Each structure stands twice: as structure tokens, then as C-alpha cells.
Amino acid sequence: MIADVSGVDRSLEEAEATLLLTDMAQACGATVIKIDTHQFGEGHGLTAIAVLAESHISLHEWPEYQFVAFDIFVCGAANPERAVGLIRSRFPSAHVETRFLDRESR
């Protein structure tokens, strides 16, 4: 599942992004292995990724466009849709657009 969040009214801090990814993984029913973040410099956003036992969740922020992109890539019993409600609650004034990508093995 991907979620594009527009109209974000503030920049994310690395600690906040780490907590958000942890909470999203928990909401999905996934297990966090490791979280890494990279700040691009003051006012230039950040990238964060949670490596999961079930795959990964990532975010990339563009504060100059008031935009955050999320990739919620999970397998097994993990449910990515549960993380979307968390995104909506963390960014209540923003517009959240989601798309489900079915990558079922064939």
C-alpha cells in the first residue's frame, strides 16, 4: 500500500519519524527489526525506513511541498490498511490518498 500525504503543516523530526514508523508497524501487526533515518539538512526533509520481519515501511518527506510519501510493504498476516488510520490521525489537517498494490506471487 502507498499513501501520499499532502498539506502537511510541519516538518518531521527524526525521533518523530522513528516513533511513527514503529507505531505503524505495530498497527499493521508487523515486527520491527531496525529503523534508519536520514536528514537531508535543515528544511530539506528526511527519509526513514523500518525494516520489518514482514518486509518494510518507509517514508520520504518534502517539507517544501508539504508532502510525505509512505510505502507500506508487508506480507503474511500483517495488514497495511491499519497503518492508514494512524497516518490520518497523525496528520489530521492533511489530505491522505492511498493505493493498494497487489503483488501476489503468480
Protein backbone atom coordinates (compact mmCIF):
# COMPACT_ATOMS: atom_id res chain seq x y z
CA MET A 1 0.00 0.00 0.00
CA ILE A 2 1.20 3.51 -0.69
CA ALA A 3 -0.05 6.67 0.97
CA ASP A 4 0.59 10.18 -0.33
CA VAL A 5 0.00 12.87 2.28
CA SER A 6 -0.33 16.46 1.05
CA GLY A 7 -0.94 19.62 3.02
CA VAL A 8 1.38 18.59 5.86
CA ASP A 9 1.68 21.67 8.07
CA ARG A 10 5.09 20.97 9.64
CA SER A 11 8.36 19.12 9.13
CA LEU A 12 9.03 15.80 10.82
CA GLU A 13 11.90 15.31 13.24
CA GLU A 14 13.91 12.07 13.10
CA ALA A 15 12.63 10.90 16.50
CA GLU A 16 9.04 11.58 15.44
CA ALA A 17 9.52 9.66 12.18
CA THR A 18 11.01 6.73 14.10
CA LEU A 19 8.07 6.66 16.51
CA LEU A 20 5.58 6.96 13.65
CA LEU A 21 7.10 4.01 11.76
CA THR A 22 7.19 1.95 14.96
CA ASP A 23 3.53 2.71 15.63
CA MET A 24 2.59 1.96 12.01
CA ALA A 25 4.34 -1.42 12.14
CA GLN A 26 2.57 -2.25 15.39
CA ALA A 27 -0.79 -1.21 13.92
CA CYS A 28 -0.17 -3.50 10.93
CA GLY A 29 0.75 -6.40 13.17
CA ALA A 30 4.36 -6.38 11.92
CA THR A 31 7.67 -6.83 13.73
CA VAL A 32 10.32 -4.09 13.56
CA ILE A 33 13.87 -5.33 13.01
CA LYS A 34 15.60 -1.97 12.55
CA ILE A 35 14.78 1.68 11.76
CA ASP A 36 17.14 4.04 9.94
CA THR A 37 16.65 7.72 9.20
CA HIS A 38 18.49 10.25 7.07
CA GLN A 39 18.03 14.01 7.45
CA PHE A 40 18.81 15.95 4.26
CA GLY A 41 19.60 19.16 6.12
CA GLU A 42 17.58 21.92 7.73
CA GLY A 43 14.34 22.39 5.80
CA HIS A 44 15.12 19.69 3.24
CA GLY A 45 13.18 16.78 4.70
CA LEU A 46 14.09 13.27 5.67
CA THR A 47 13.82 9.64 4.68
CA ALA A 48 13.12 6.88 7.18
CA ILE A 49 12.73 3.14 6.76
CA ALA A 50 11.61 0.44 9.13
CA VAL A 51 12.95 -2.96 8.17
CA LEU A 52 10.34 -5.48 9.24
CA ALA A 53 10.29 -9.24 9.64
CA GLU A 54 7.41 -8.94 7.12
CA SER A 55 9.26 -6.52 4.70
CA HIS A 56 9.39 -2.71 5.25
CA ILE A 57 7.65 0.62 5.80
CA SER A 58 9.27 3.78 4.52
CA LEU A 59 8.57 7.48 4.37
CA HIS A 60 10.08 10.34 2.45
CA GLU A 61 9.31 13.93 3.30
CA TRP A 62 9.39 17.05 1.10
CA PRO A 63 8.64 19.93 3.52
CA GLU A 64 8.98 22.49 0.74
CA TYR A 65 5.93 20.85 -0.91
CA GLN A 66 4.17 19.98 2.38
CA PHE A 67 4.23 16.35 1.24
CA VAL A 68 5.10 12.97 2.78
CA ALA A 69 5.09 9.68 0.83
CA PHE A 70 4.70 6.34 2.61
CA ASP A 71 5.33 2.82 1.29
CA ILE A 72 3.81 0.10 3.44
CA PHE A 73 5.13 -3.17 2.05
CA VAL A 74 4.12 -6.13 4.21
CA CYS A 75 3.32 -9.79 3.79
CA GLY A 76 1.83 -12.62 5.79
CA ALA A 77 -0.85 -11.70 8.30
CA ALA A 78 0.27 -8.03 8.50
CA ASN A 79 -2.46 -5.63 7.37
CA PRO A 80 -1.24 -2.36 5.78
CA GLU A 81 -4.68 -0.74 5.90
CA ARG A 82 -4.43 -0.47 9.69
CA ALA A 83 -1.49 1.94 9.30
CA VAL A 84 -3.53 4.31 7.14
CA GLY A 85 -5.82 5.24 10.04
CA LEU A 86 -2.71 6.07 12.05
CA ILE A 87 -1.39 8.29 9.25
CA ARG A 88 -4.73 10.11 9.10
CA SER A 89 -4.71 10.68 12.86
CA ARG A 90 -1.10 11.98 12.87
CA PHE A 91 -1.80 14.40 10.01
CA PRO A 92 -5.43 15.44 10.72
CA SER A 93 -5.47 18.54 8.50
CA ALA A 94 -3.71 16.88 5.55
CA HIS A 95 -5.16 15.07 2.54
CA VAL A 96 -4.28 11.35 2.51
CA GLU A 97 -4.56 9.42 -0.75
CA THR A 98 -3.93 5.67 -0.69
CA ARG A 99 -3.47 2.99 -3.31
CA PHE A 100 -3.30 -0.73 -2.77
CA LEU A 101 -0.84 -2.60 -4.97
CA ASP A 102 -1.42 -6.33 -5.10
CA ARG A 103 1.92 -8.06 -5.60
CA GLU A 104 0.63 -11.56 -5.11
CA SER A 105 3.09 -14.12 -6.39
CA ARG A 106 1.92 -15.82 -9.53
